[in-house]
Amino acid sequence: MDHDAPYTPVRRVLWQVLWLNLLVAFAKMGWGWWIDSVSLSADGYHSLFDGLSNVIALIGLWVAAHPPDENHPYGHRKFETLATIGIGVMLALVCLHVLQAAYARFTTPVTPRVDTGAYLVVVLTLGINSLVYVYERRMADRLSSDVLRADSKHTQSDLLVTSSVLAGLIAAHFGVWLLDPIVAVLIAGLIGKAAYDIVLESAMVLSDVSMIDPAEVIAVVSRMRGVLHCHEIRTRGTPHHILMDLRIHVDPDMTVRRAHDIADDLEDLIKGEFQGVQEVVVHVEPHGEHYCPQ
């Protein structure tokens, strides 16, 4: 089995997005420095960390693509989740940097020297980010990639940030310098919220939070002929890669072959009923007088 195959198209998307993020970042940072705008510079740093998060994701996917080995018999898929947490941490660092820059501007007021070039940079980068977000979100759904989905949220926050920067530049053009650091603080809030959401979602995956309500599984299993009871249902993983194990009770006089066939059929039924379930382990037990269903 080629464990790298599912990650190849995801990496291709990340490489494309990486170069666009770097182009956007240096354009914003350069012009922000030129006109002395803390909000535009902060937006540039945001985009730069977008690019760095792409690098983290690429490294995480490279590790995740390794096949199972002696030390990782279940594979390396959770390294993709660790890479996703890395994206959240990078966002948190950007949030702190922007807040520091905004505080410095509040204490030392400066009115940005807004020119036509600044407007062109913001509008063009806003257009590029819009295309990147739509493309990345579509590919995340098509490839069922948590990394691309997290990174698309990152890009979406960049759209809100750049729109706020545009409003700040217009205000600065008319001499309202205070809006520039205020916009920077709003940017920090959006970045911090995105970081929180990404880290929380990834933490749930690493802590093996239940992915499917056991009652829903029982309702499906009860349709399988020959199964007398189902219990101890456990699920974990990501929404697009769920692992499940459960116990079923069958007639104690049933042959091993028949019990095995029921377990196989049940695995196929569950995978067909629940999207994202990749592996089902069914434990078969004899139903008898010593067992009392809970």
Protein backbone atom coordinates (compact mmCIF):
# COMPACT_ATOMS: atom_id res chain seq x y z
CA MET A 1 0.00 0.00 0.00
CA ASP A 2 1.30 3.45 -0.97
CA HIS A 3 0.90 5.49 2.23
CA ASP A 4 2.24 8.62 0.53
CA ALA A 5 -0.41 8.71 -2.22
CA PRO A 6 -3.18 10.47 -0.19
CA TYR A 7 -0.77 13.22 0.86
CA THR A 8 0.74 14.01 -2.54
CA PRO A 9 -2.11 16.25 -3.80
CA VAL A 10 -2.33 17.94 -0.37
CA ARG A 11 1.36 18.81 -0.50
CA ARG A 12 0.94 20.13 -4.05
CA VAL A 13 -1.77 22.52 -2.85
CA LEU A 14 0.35 23.65 0.10
CA TRP A 15 3.34 24.42 -2.13
CA GLN A 16 1.16 26.54 -4.42
CA VAL A 17 -0.34 28.41 -1.48
CA LEU A 18 3.09 28.88 0.11
CA TRP A 19 4.50 30.88 -2.80
CA LEU A 20 1.38 33.05 -3.00
CA ASN A 21 1.51 33.72 0.75
CA LEU A 22 5.15 34.80 0.55
CA LEU A 23 4.40 37.11 -2.38
CA VAL A 24 1.52 38.72 -0.49
CA ALA A 25 3.49 38.95 2.77
CA PHE A 26 6.51 40.78 1.34
CA ALA A 27 4.28 43.17 -0.61
CA LYS A 28 2.37 44.15 2.55
CA MET A 29 5.42 44.31 4.80
CA GLY A 30 7.41 46.34 2.28
CA TRP A 31 4.72 48.91 1.65
CA GLY A 32 3.72 49.00 5.33
CA TRP A 33 7.29 49.94 6.21
CA TRP A 34 7.38 52.50 3.39
CA ILE A 35 4.24 54.38 4.51
CA ASP A 36 4.79 53.72 8.24
CA SER A 37 1.50 51.82 8.74
CA VAL A 38 1.45 49.45 11.70
CA SER A 39 -1.78 47.77 10.52
CA LEU A 40 -0.45 47.05 7.01
CA SER A 41 2.86 45.79 8.42
CA ALA A 42 0.99 43.60 10.91
CA ASP A 43 -1.07 42.21 8.05
CA GLY A 44 2.19 41.45 6.24
CA TYR A 45 3.49 39.53 9.25
CA HIS A 46 0.19 37.66 9.35
CA SER A 47 0.67 36.59 5.74
CA LEU A 48 4.32 35.70 6.39
CA PHE A 49 3.27 33.37 9.19
CA ASP A 50 0.70 31.94 6.78
CA GLY A 51 3.68 30.89 4.67
CA LEU A 52 5.59 29.52 7.65
CA SER A 53 2.52 27.53 8.69
CA ASN A 54 2.50 26.03 5.19
CA VAL A 55 6.09 24.88 5.78
CA ILE A 56 5.09 23.29 9.12
CA ALA A 57 2.19 21.54 7.43
CA LEU A 58 4.44 20.21 4.66
CA ILE A 59 6.85 18.77 7.23
CA GLY A 60 3.98 17.25 9.20
CA LEU A 61 2.52 15.62 6.08
CA TRP A 62 5.93 14.25 5.08
CA VAL A 63 6.15 12.47 8.44
CA ALA A 64 2.49 11.39 8.38
CA ALA A 65 2.98 9.73 4.99
CA HIS A 66 5.44 7.21 6.43
CA PRO A 67 3.96 3.69 6.59
CA PRO A 68 3.36 1.87 9.91
CA ASP A 69 6.50 0.53 11.53
CA GLU A 70 7.54 -1.29 14.70
CA ASN A 71 7.31 1.85 16.85
CA HIS A 72 4.16 3.18 15.16
CA PRO A 73 1.99 0.17 14.30
CA TYR A 74 -1.03 2.41 13.72
CA GLY A 75 0.88 4.62 11.31
CA HIS A 76 1.97 8.25 11.59
CA ARG A 77 -1.32 9.98 10.78
CA LYS A 78 -1.43 11.98 14.03
CA PHE A 79 1.65 13.88 12.92
CA GLU A 80 -0.74 15.69 10.57
CA THR A 81 -2.72 16.75 13.65
CA LEU A 82 0.49 17.88 15.36
CA ALA A 83 1.28 19.98 12.29
CA THR A 84 -2.19 21.49 12.54
CA ILE A 85 -1.49 22.47 16.17
CA GLY A 86 1.73 24.03 14.94
CA ILE A 87 -0.33 26.28 12.67
CA GLY A 88 -2.41 27.35 15.67
CA VAL A 89 0.70 28.13 17.72
CA MET A 90 2.12 30.23 14.88
CA LEU A 91 -1.14 32.19 14.79
CA ALA A 92 -0.90 32.81 18.54
CA LEU A 93 2.63 34.21 18.12
CA VAL A 94 1.42 36.53 15.35
CA CYS A 95 -1.37 37.72 17.67
CA LEU A 96 1.15 38.71 20.35
CA HIS A 97 3.39 40.50 17.84
CA VAL A 98 0.50 42.53 16.45
CA LEU A 99 -0.65 43.54 19.95
CA GLN A 100 2.87 44.72 20.80
CA ALA A 101 3.05 46.79 17.60
CA ALA A 102 -0.39 48.30 18.26
CA TYR A 103 0.54 49.23 21.83
CA ALA A 104 3.68 50.98 20.60
CA ARG A 105 1.61 52.99 18.12
CA PHE A 106 -0.91 54.00 20.81
CA THR A 107 1.90 55.32 23.00
CA THR A 108 3.72 57.00 20.08
CA PRO A 109 1.10 58.27 17.58
CA VAL A 110 2.11 58.33 13.92
CA THR A 111 -0.11 59.04 10.91
CA PRO A 112 0.71 56.66 8.00
CA ARG A 113 1.71 58.29 4.70
CA VAL A 114 -1.00 56.67 2.58
CA ASP A 115 -0.43 56.74 -1.19
CA THR A 116 -1.88 55.12 -4.32
CA GLY A 117 0.64 52.27 -4.10
CA ALA A 118 -0.68 51.30 -0.66
CA TYR A 119 -4.23 51.02 -1.99
CA LEU A 120 -3.06 48.93 -4.95
CA VAL A 121 -1.10 46.56 -2.69
CA VAL A 122 -4.04 46.03 -0.35
CA VAL A 123 -6.60 45.50 -3.12
CA LEU A 124 -4.37 43.12 -5.11
CA THR A 125 -3.43 41.06 -2.06
CA LEU A 126 -7.08 40.96 -1.03
CA GLY A 127 -7.93 39.49 -4.41
CA ILE A 128 -5.14 36.91 -4.20
CA ASN A 129 -6.17 35.85 -0.71
CA SER A 130 -9.79 35.46 -1.85
CA LEU A 131 -8.74 33.10 -4.64
CA VAL A 132 -6.45 31.16 -2.30
CA TYR A 133 -9.21 30.71 0.30
CA VAL A 134 -11.77 29.43 -2.22
CA TYR A 135 -9.23 27.09 -3.83
CA GLU A 136 -7.86 25.75 -0.54
CA ARG A 137 -11.30 25.20 0.98
CA ARG A 138 -12.49 23.34 -2.10
CA MET A 139 -9.40 21.12 -2.12
CA ALA A 140 -9.73 20.49 1.65
CA ASP A 141 -13.23 19.08 1.10
CA ARG A 142 -12.20 17.11 -1.97
CA LEU A 143 -9.11 15.58 -0.33
CA SER A 144 -10.59 15.31 3.21
CA SER A 145 -7.52 17.07 4.62
CA ASP A 146 -7.60 18.55 8.13
CA VAL A 147 -4.39 20.48 7.44
CA LEU A 148 -5.85 22.19 4.37
CA ARG A 149 -9.07 22.91 6.25
CA ALA A 150 -7.13 24.53 9.12
CA ASP A 151 -4.98 26.50 6.70
CA SER A 152 -8.05 27.72 4.81
CA LYS A 153 -9.38 29.12 8.11
CA HIS A 154 -6.05 30.88 8.44
CA THR A 155 -6.49 32.37 4.96
CA GLN A 156 -10.08 33.36 5.73
CA SER A 157 -8.90 35.35 8.75
CA ASP A 158 -6.40 37.04 6.42
CA LEU A 159 -9.30 38.25 4.27
CA LEU A 160 -10.94 39.90 7.28
CA VAL A 161 -7.63 41.37 8.36
CA THR A 162 -6.83 42.90 4.97
CA SER A 163 -10.34 44.36 4.67
CA SER A 164 -9.85 46.04 8.07
CA VAL A 165 -6.46 47.36 6.97
CA LEU A 166 -8.07 48.92 3.88
CA ALA A 167 -10.56 50.74 6.12
CA GLY A 168 -7.70 51.91 8.35
CA LEU A 169 -5.73 53.27 5.39
CA ILE A 170 -8.73 55.23 4.15
CA ALA A 171 -9.14 56.76 7.62
CA ALA A 172 -5.41 57.55 7.82
CA HIS A 173 -5.63 59.25 4.41
CA PHE A 174 -7.98 61.76 6.05
CA GLY A 175 -5.73 62.19 9.08
CA VAL A 176 -7.46 59.83 11.52
CA TRP A 177 -4.30 58.11 12.82
CA LEU A 178 -6.05 56.36 15.74
CA LEU A 179 -7.86 53.90 13.47
CA ASP A 180 -4.55 52.37 12.34
CA PRO A 181 -3.63 50.83 15.76
CA ILE A 182 -7.30 50.08 16.50
CA VAL A 183 -7.47 48.00 13.33
CA ALA A 184 -4.26 46.26 14.41
CA VAL A 185 -5.93 45.27 17.71
CA LEU A 186 -8.97 43.94 15.84
CA ILE A 187 -6.59 41.95 13.65
CA ALA A 188 -5.00 40.45 16.76
CA GLY A 189 -8.43 39.41 18.04
CA LEU A 190 -9.31 37.64 14.79
CA ILE A 191 -5.95 35.90 14.69
CA GLY A 192 -6.27 34.80 18.32
CA LYS A 193 -9.76 33.38 17.72
CA ALA A 194 -8.52 31.38 14.72
CA ALA A 195 -5.59 30.05 16.78
CA TYR A 196 -7.91 28.98 19.61
CA ASP A 197 -10.31 27.15 17.29
CA ILE A 198 -7.54 25.28 15.49
CA VAL A 199 -5.70 24.19 18.65
CA LEU A 200 -8.93 23.15 20.41
CA GLU A 201 -10.08 21.02 17.48
CA SER A 202 -6.69 19.34 17.17
CA ALA A 203 -6.50 18.74 20.93
CA MET A 204 -9.80 16.87 20.74
CA VAL A 205 -8.30 14.57 18.12
CA LEU A 206 -5.14 13.90 20.14
CA SER A 207 -7.18 13.22 23.28
CA ASP A 208 -9.21 10.59 21.39
CA VAL A 209 -12.55 12.33 21.87
CA SER A 210 -15.53 10.22 20.76
CA MET A 211 -16.44 10.92 17.13
CA ILE A 212 -19.83 9.16 16.83
CA ASP A 213 -22.72 8.87 19.29
CA PRO A 214 -22.85 5.19 20.46
CA ALA A 215 -26.66 5.29 20.27
CA GLU A 216 -26.43 5.91 16.52
CA VAL A 217 -24.12 2.92 16.12
CA ILE A 218 -26.42 0.67 18.15
CA ALA A 219 -29.34 1.67 15.93
CA VAL A 220 -27.40 0.52 12.86
CA VAL A 221 -26.02 -2.67 14.43
CA SER A 222 -29.50 -3.72 15.58
CA ARG A 223 -30.44 -4.14 11.93
CA MET A 224 -27.85 -6.88 11.48
CA ARG A 225 -29.44 -10.31 11.66
CA GLY A 226 -27.73 -12.58 14.19
CA VAL A 227 -26.52 -9.81 16.50
CA LEU A 228 -28.26 -10.09 19.88
CA HIS A 229 -26.60 -7.15 21.62
CA CYS A 230 -23.99 -4.45 21.04
CA HIS A 231 -22.00 -2.53 23.65
CA GLU A 232 -18.64 -0.92 24.52
CA ILE A 233 -18.63 1.19 21.37
CA ARG A 234 -15.55 3.38 21.04
CA THR A 235 -14.57 5.81 18.30
CA ARG A 236 -11.62 8.15 17.81
CA GLY A 237 -9.66 9.92 15.10
CA THR A 238 -10.63 12.82 12.83
CA PRO A 239 -13.96 13.49 11.11
CA HIS A 240 -12.52 12.04 7.91
CA HIS A 241 -10.55 9.15 9.41
CA ILE A 242 -12.53 7.50 12.20
CA LEU A 243 -11.44 4.30 13.96
CA MET A 244 -14.10 2.26 15.74
CA ASP A 245 -14.24 -0.85 17.91
CA LEU A 246 -17.26 -2.50 19.50
CA ARG A 247 -18.47 -5.73 21.04
CA ILE A 248 -21.40 -7.77 19.77
CA HIS A 249 -23.14 -10.79 21.29
CA VAL A 250 -24.29 -13.74 19.18
CA ASP A 251 -25.90 -17.11 19.84
CA PRO A 252 -23.35 -19.20 21.80
CA ASP A 253 -24.17 -22.19 19.58
CA MET A 254 -23.29 -20.29 16.42
CA THR A 255 -20.29 -21.60 14.45
CA VAL A 256 -17.09 -19.61 14.40
CA ARG A 257 -17.37 -19.24 10.62
CA ARG A 258 -20.89 -17.79 10.85
CA ALA A 259 -19.88 -15.39 13.64
CA HIS A 260 -16.90 -14.29 11.55
CA ASP A 261 -19.15 -13.64 8.53
CA ILE A 262 -21.50 -11.53 10.67
CA ALA A 263 -18.55 -9.47 11.92
CA ASP A 264 -17.34 -8.88 8.34
CA ASP A 265 -20.81 -7.88 7.16
CA LEU A 266 -21.19 -5.58 10.14
CA GLU A 267 -17.93 -3.79 9.32
CA ASP A 268 -19.15 -3.12 5.77
CA LEU A 269 -22.53 -1.93 7.05
CA ILE A 270 -20.99 0.54 9.50
CA LYS A 271 -18.56 1.94 6.92
CA GLY A 272 -21.47 2.43 4.55
CA GLU A 273 -23.66 4.17 7.13
CA PHE A 274 -21.09 6.48 8.74
CA GLN A 275 -19.01 8.74 6.53
CA GLY A 276 -15.35 8.90 7.53
CA VAL A 277 -15.15 5.50 9.24
CA GLN A 278 -12.00 3.83 7.92
CA GLU A 279 -11.53 0.89 10.27
CA VAL A 280 -13.91 -1.19 12.41
CA VAL A 281 -12.81 -3.85 14.89
CA VAL A 282 -15.66 -6.15 15.97
CA HIS A 283 -15.24 -8.31 19.08
CA VAL A 284 -17.61 -11.28 19.03
CA GLU A 285 -18.82 -12.76 22.33
CA PRO A 286 -21.32 -15.54 23.19
CA HIS A 287 -24.59 -14.27 24.61
CA GLY A 288 -25.47 -16.17 27.78
CA GLU A 289 -27.09 -16.12 31.15
CA HIS A 290 -24.03 -14.64 32.84
CA TYR A 291 -24.31 -11.48 30.78
CA CYS A 292 -26.65 -8.68 31.80
CA PRO A 293 -26.94 -5.81 29.32
CA GLN A 294 -26.42 -2.37 30.86
